[in-house]
N, C-alpha and C. Protein backbone atom coordinates (compact mmCIF):
# COMPACT_ATOMS: atom_id res chain seq x y z
N MET A 1 -116.56 -19.83 -5.60
CA MET A 1 -116.64 -20.44 -4.31
C MET A 1 -115.13 -20.51 -3.68
N ASN A 2 -114.88 -20.04 -2.83
CA ASN A 2 -113.56 -20.16 -2.32
C ASN A 2 -113.04 -21.35 -1.74
N LYS A 3 -111.93 -21.71 -1.52
CA LYS A 3 -111.57 -23.08 -0.86
C LYS A 3 -111.49 -22.87 0.58
N LEU A 4 -112.00 -23.82 1.31
CA LEU A 4 -111.81 -23.78 2.66
C LEU A 4 -110.52 -23.71 3.55
N ARG A 5 -109.65 -24.31 2.83
CA ARG A 5 -108.06 -24.55 3.41
C ARG A 5 -107.97 -24.94 4.78
N LEU A 6 -109.33 -25.59 5.26
CA LEU A 6 -109.11 -26.21 6.60
C LEU A 6 -109.20 -27.70 6.25
N LYS A 7 -108.94 -28.40 7.39
CA LYS A 7 -109.20 -29.85 7.29
C LYS A 7 -109.89 -30.60 8.21
N VAL A 8 -110.27 -31.67 8.28
CA VAL A 8 -110.79 -32.57 9.58
C VAL A 8 -109.76 -32.86 10.55
N GLY A 9 -109.96 -32.39 11.56
CA GLY A 9 -109.31 -32.55 12.73
C GLY A 9 -108.14 -31.16 13.26
N ASP A 10 -108.57 -30.38 12.26
CA ASP A 10 -107.89 -29.04 12.59
C ASP A 10 -108.71 -28.42 13.90
N ARG A 11 -107.46 -27.66 14.71
CA ARG A 11 -108.01 -26.82 16.20
C ARG A 11 -108.41 -25.57 15.39
N VAL A 12 -109.82 -25.28 15.66
CA VAL A 12 -110.00 -23.86 15.34
C VAL A 12 -110.53 -23.11 16.80
N LYS A 13 -110.59 -21.56 16.55
CA LYS A 13 -111.30 -20.97 17.84
C LYS A 13 -112.28 -20.01 17.03
N VAL A 14 -113.45 -20.19 17.76
CA VAL A 14 -114.71 -19.42 17.72
C VAL A 14 -114.40 -17.92 17.68
N ILE A 15 -114.52 -16.98 16.77
CA ILE A 15 -114.32 -15.74 16.97
C ILE A 15 -115.48 -14.71 16.97
N THR A 16 -116.62 -15.22 17.03
CA THR A 16 -118.01 -14.54 17.12
C THR A 16 -118.91 -15.40 17.57
N GLY A 17 -119.88 -14.84 18.02
CA GLY A 17 -121.19 -15.43 18.54
C GLY A 17 -121.24 -16.06 20.08
N ARG A 18 -121.99 -16.73 20.46
CA ARG A 18 -122.28 -17.31 21.85
C ARG A 18 -121.13 -18.26 22.27
N ASP A 19 -120.29 -18.87 21.37
CA ASP A 19 -119.01 -19.74 21.94
C ASP A 19 -117.85 -18.93 21.62
N LYS A 20 -117.76 -17.57 21.34
CA LYS A 20 -116.96 -16.69 21.29
C LYS A 20 -115.41 -17.11 22.29
N ASP A 21 -114.35 -17.38 21.57
CA ASP A 21 -113.17 -17.82 22.49
C ASP A 21 -113.03 -19.19 22.80
N ASN A 22 -113.84 -19.86 22.38
CA ASN A 22 -113.67 -21.47 22.87
C ASN A 22 -113.01 -22.17 21.53
N ILE A 23 -112.06 -23.10 21.73
CA ILE A 23 -111.53 -23.81 20.96
C ILE A 23 -111.96 -25.51 20.84
N GLY A 24 -112.01 -25.65 19.57
CA GLY A 24 -112.57 -27.07 19.39
C GLY A 24 -111.94 -27.89 18.11
N THR A 25 -112.48 -29.01 17.96
CA THR A 25 -111.50 -29.56 16.69
C THR A 25 -112.61 -29.77 15.56
N VAL A 26 -112.27 -29.61 14.38
CA VAL A 26 -113.22 -29.52 13.42
C VAL A 26 -113.76 -31.11 13.15
N LYS A 27 -114.77 -31.33 12.75
CA LYS A 27 -115.67 -32.65 12.94
C LYS A 27 -115.96 -32.95 11.33
N SER A 28 -116.43 -32.01 10.66
CA SER A 28 -117.03 -32.22 9.51
C SER A 28 -117.39 -30.92 8.58
N PHE A 29 -117.61 -31.07 7.31
CA PHE A 29 -117.81 -29.72 6.59
C PHE A 29 -119.20 -29.80 5.77
N LEU A 30 -119.79 -28.71 5.55
CA LEU A 30 -120.72 -28.71 4.68
C LEU A 30 -120.13 -27.66 3.40
N LYS A 31 -119.53 -28.12 2.45
CA LYS A 31 -118.84 -27.29 1.78
C LYS A 31 -119.85 -26.46 0.69
N LYS A 32 -121.05 -26.86 0.40
CA LYS A 32 -121.69 -25.91 -0.37
C LYS A 32 -122.72 -24.61 0.38
N LYS A 33 -122.52 -24.91 1.75
CA LYS A 33 -122.77 -23.63 2.33
C LYS A 33 -121.91 -23.30 3.12
N ASN A 34 -120.74 -23.44 3.01
CA ASN A 34 -119.58 -23.02 3.77
C ASN A 34 -119.26 -22.82 5.29
N MET A 35 -119.85 -24.16 5.61
CA MET A 35 -119.98 -24.28 7.06
C MET A 35 -119.25 -25.74 7.51
N LEU A 36 -118.97 -25.30 8.85
CA LEU A 36 -118.21 -26.70 9.34
C LEU A 36 -118.80 -27.14 10.61
N VAL A 37 -118.63 -28.20 11.11
CA VAL A 37 -118.99 -28.82 12.51
C VAL A 37 -117.97 -28.64 13.68
N VAL A 38 -117.79 -28.14 14.38
CA VAL A 38 -116.88 -28.19 15.46
C VAL A 38 -117.39 -28.76 16.61
N GLU A 39 -116.38 -30.11 17.09
CA GLU A 39 -116.63 -30.66 18.25
C GLU A 39 -117.04 -30.15 19.32
N LYS A 40 -118.05 -30.42 19.93
CA LYS A 40 -118.46 -29.59 21.47
C LYS A 40 -118.75 -28.25 21.70
N LEU A 41 -118.90 -27.63 20.42
CA LEU A 41 -119.13 -26.32 20.42
C LEU A 41 -120.44 -26.09 19.47
N ASN A 42 -121.10 -24.92 19.68
CA ASN A 42 -122.26 -24.56 19.11
C ASN A 42 -123.53 -25.51 19.36
N LEU A 43 -123.63 -25.94 20.38
CA LEU A 43 -124.57 -27.04 20.62
C LEU A 43 -126.11 -26.70 20.66
N LYS A 44 -126.86 -27.38 20.12
CA LYS A 44 -128.43 -27.03 19.93
C LYS A 44 -129.16 -28.39 20.59
N PHE A 45 -130.21 -27.94 20.84
CA PHE A 45 -131.14 -29.26 21.41
C PHE A 45 -132.15 -29.60 20.02
N LYS A 46 -132.18 -30.75 19.84
CA LYS A 46 -132.98 -31.67 18.84
C LYS A 46 -134.10 -32.44 19.84
N HIS A 47 -135.32 -32.36 19.47
CA HIS A 47 -136.49 -32.88 20.06
C HIS A 47 -136.75 -33.96 19.10
N GLU A 48 -136.78 -35.23 19.55
CA GLU A 48 -137.20 -36.33 18.81
C GLU A 48 -138.65 -36.81 19.33
N LYS A 49 -139.53 -37.09 18.49
CA LYS A 49 -140.90 -37.58 18.87
C LYS A 49 -140.38 -39.45 19.12
N PRO A 50 -141.49 -39.57 19.94
CA PRO A 50 -141.43 -41.19 20.26
C PRO A 50 -141.56 -41.99 18.92
N GLY A 51 -140.80 -42.99 18.60
CA GLY A 51 -141.06 -43.80 17.32
C GLY A 51 -142.16 -44.89 17.61
N ASN A 52 -142.39 -45.38 18.65
CA ASN A 52 -143.55 -46.40 18.93
C ASN A 52 -143.87 -46.04 20.55
N GLN A 53 -145.03 -47.16 20.96
CA GLN A 53 -145.24 -47.11 22.29
C GLN A 53 -144.33 -47.46 23.14
N GLU A 54 -143.21 -48.31 22.76
CA GLU A 54 -142.33 -48.35 23.81
C GLU A 54 -141.18 -47.48 23.91
N ASN A 55 -140.69 -46.94 22.98
CA ASN A 55 -139.98 -45.59 22.98
C ASN A 55 -140.32 -44.37 23.49
N SER A 56 -139.95 -43.76 24.28
CA SER A 56 -140.49 -42.23 24.95
C SER A 56 -139.64 -41.18 24.06
N GLY A 57 -140.22 -40.28 23.82
CA GLY A 57 -139.36 -39.10 23.15
C GLY A 57 -138.16 -38.52 24.18
N GLN A 58 -137.19 -37.90 23.49
CA GLN A 58 -136.14 -37.59 23.94
C GLN A 58 -135.55 -36.20 23.57
N ILE A 59 -134.85 -35.45 24.34
CA ILE A 59 -134.41 -34.22 23.75
C ILE A 59 -132.51 -34.54 23.86
N LYS A 60 -132.24 -34.20 22.74
CA LYS A 60 -130.78 -34.61 22.53
C LYS A 60 -130.06 -33.30 22.33
N GLN A 61 -128.58 -33.06 22.47
CA GLN A 61 -127.81 -32.08 22.04
C GLN A 61 -127.01 -32.38 20.92
N VAL A 62 -126.92 -31.65 19.89
CA VAL A 62 -126.32 -31.74 18.88
C VAL A 62 -125.54 -30.78 18.64
N GLU A 63 -124.37 -31.00 17.69
CA GLU A 63 -123.67 -29.97 17.30
C GLU A 63 -123.86 -29.26 16.11
N ALA A 64 -124.31 -28.13 15.83
CA ALA A 64 -124.78 -27.53 14.79
C ALA A 64 -123.73 -26.80 13.96
N PRO A 65 -123.84 -26.58 12.71
CA PRO A 65 -122.69 -25.94 11.73
C PRO A 65 -122.53 -24.58 12.23
N ILE A 66 -121.31 -24.15 12.11
CA ILE A 66 -121.04 -22.75 12.21
C ILE A 66 -120.33 -22.26 10.62
N HIS A 67 -120.49 -21.17 10.38
CA HIS A 67 -119.93 -20.40 9.15
C HIS A 67 -118.64 -20.34 9.19
N ARG A 68 -117.76 -20.49 8.19
CA ARG A 68 -116.07 -20.93 8.34
C ARG A 68 -115.68 -19.28 8.63
N SER A 69 -116.63 -18.11 8.46
CA SER A 69 -116.14 -17.13 8.49
C SER A 69 -115.90 -16.53 10.30
N ASN A 70 -116.61 -17.67 10.86
CA ASN A 70 -116.58 -17.34 12.43
C ASN A 70 -115.57 -18.15 12.96
N VAL A 71 -114.60 -18.65 12.28
CA VAL A 71 -113.55 -19.13 13.00
C VAL A 71 -112.10 -19.39 12.66
N MET A 72 -111.28 -19.21 13.30
CA MET A 72 -109.78 -19.11 12.98
C MET A 72 -109.01 -20.07 13.27
N LEU A 73 -108.17 -20.64 12.39
CA LEU A 73 -107.25 -21.65 12.68
C LEU A 73 -106.14 -21.35 13.65
N CYS A 74 -105.80 -22.46 14.70
CA CYS A 74 -104.84 -22.38 15.74
C CYS A 74 -103.68 -23.03 15.47
N ASP A 75 -102.80 -22.47 15.88
CA ASP A 75 -101.41 -23.33 15.83
C ASP A 75 -101.27 -24.49 17.26
N SER A 76 -100.09 -24.79 17.36
CA SER A 76 -99.91 -25.85 18.39
C SER A 76 -99.90 -25.00 19.86
N ASP A 77 -99.99 -23.94 19.86
CA ASP A 77 -100.03 -23.22 20.96
C ASP A 77 -101.30 -22.69 21.40
N ASP A 78 -102.47 -23.14 20.54
CA ASP A 78 -103.56 -22.32 20.38
C ASP A 78 -103.82 -20.92 20.25
N MET A 79 -102.68 -20.63 19.82
CA MET A 79 -102.99 -19.08 19.34
C MET A 79 -103.49 -19.13 17.81
N ALA A 80 -104.69 -18.36 17.52
CA ALA A 80 -105.67 -18.37 16.46
C ALA A 80 -104.86 -16.90 15.65
N SER A 81 -104.88 -17.17 14.49
CA SER A 81 -104.30 -16.38 13.21
C SER A 81 -104.56 -16.57 11.93
N ARG A 82 -104.25 -15.69 11.18
CA ARG A 82 -104.32 -16.26 9.64
C ARG A 82 -103.03 -16.84 9.41
N PHE A 83 -103.09 -17.58 8.19
CA PHE A 83 -101.97 -18.26 7.76
C PHE A 83 -101.76 -18.44 6.24
N ASN A 84 -100.66 -18.69 5.73
CA ASN A 84 -100.13 -18.58 4.47
C ASN A 84 -99.82 -19.93 4.13
N VAL A 85 -99.93 -20.40 2.89
CA VAL A 85 -99.76 -21.93 2.25
C VAL A 85 -98.31 -21.77 1.76
N VAL A 86 -97.22 -22.23 2.15
CA VAL A 86 -96.15 -22.08 1.27
C VAL A 86 -95.60 -23.36 1.00
N LEU A 87 -94.56 -23.45 0.23
CA LEU A 87 -93.93 -24.75 -0.23
C LEU A 87 -92.49 -24.69 0.71
N SER A 88 -92.71 -26.15 1.34
CA SER A 88 -91.50 -26.33 1.97
C SER A 88 -91.17 -27.76 1.54
N ASP A 89 -89.89 -27.81 1.05
CA ASP A 89 -89.37 -29.23 0.57
C ASP A 89 -90.29 -29.90 -0.25
N GLY A 90 -90.88 -29.34 -1.12
CA GLY A 90 -91.97 -29.50 -2.29
C GLY A 90 -93.11 -30.00 -1.64
N LYS A 91 -93.28 -29.73 -0.37
CA LYS A 91 -94.89 -30.03 0.01
C LYS A 91 -95.46 -28.65 0.12
N LYS A 92 -96.76 -28.66 0.13
CA LYS A 92 -97.64 -27.22 0.90
C LYS A 92 -97.61 -27.37 2.22
N VAL A 93 -97.17 -26.31 3.04
CA VAL A 93 -97.47 -26.34 4.30
C VAL A 93 -98.11 -24.89 4.69
N ARG A 94 -98.81 -25.07 5.92
CA ARG A 94 -99.76 -24.10 6.51
C ARG A 94 -98.63 -23.32 7.37
N VAL A 95 -98.56 -22.03 7.53
CA VAL A 95 -97.50 -21.20 8.29
C VAL A 95 -98.35 -20.01 8.91
N SER A 96 -98.56 -20.24 10.33
CA SER A 96 -99.12 -19.10 10.95
C SER A 96 -98.61 -17.52 10.57
N LYS A 97 -99.28 -16.57 10.45
CA LYS A 97 -98.82 -15.07 10.23
C LYS A 97 -98.36 -14.60 11.57
N LYS A 98 -98.89 -14.81 12.72
CA LYS A 98 -98.49 -14.31 13.82
C LYS A 98 -97.36 -14.59 14.47
N THR A 99 -97.26 -16.13 14.74
CA THR A 99 -96.03 -16.84 15.34
C THR A 99 -94.80 -17.45 14.13
N LYS A 100 -95.32 -17.29 13.09
CA LYS A 100 -94.58 -18.14 12.03
C LYS A 100 -94.37 -19.33 12.34
N LYS A 101 -94.94 -20.35 12.89
CA LYS A 101 -94.91 -21.76 13.07
C LYS A 101 -95.64 -22.42 12.09
N ILE A 102 -95.17 -23.75 11.89
CA ILE A 102 -95.83 -24.55 10.63
C ILE A 102 -97.23 -25.40 11.59
N ILE A 103 -98.15 -25.16 11.01
CA ILE A 103 -99.44 -25.76 11.39
C ILE A 103 -99.58 -26.96 10.71
N LEU A 104 -99.71 -28.14 11.56
CA LEU A 104 -99.77 -29.49 11.10
C LEU A 104 -101.08 -29.84 11.15
């Protein structure tokens, strides 16, 4: 299995699907399925049954996971591109291939 090389809190751009060209923040990962949850994107409806007579059922919107191949990492200017991992001052740093900027 490949490493994800993305982190929680990274800004990513969706490149395929219904939410194409939208930008969001990574919320969590499902490592075994190579998927990630992006904040406020890929929303699905979840129907909940009533728990007892006092509670009524409800319909909630939840964020569904997206496969990692359908997102790209964005730099500080929200420009999506591929990236390299290079050593800078003894630390590994991600650098955008398009803009040559360091991605924090």
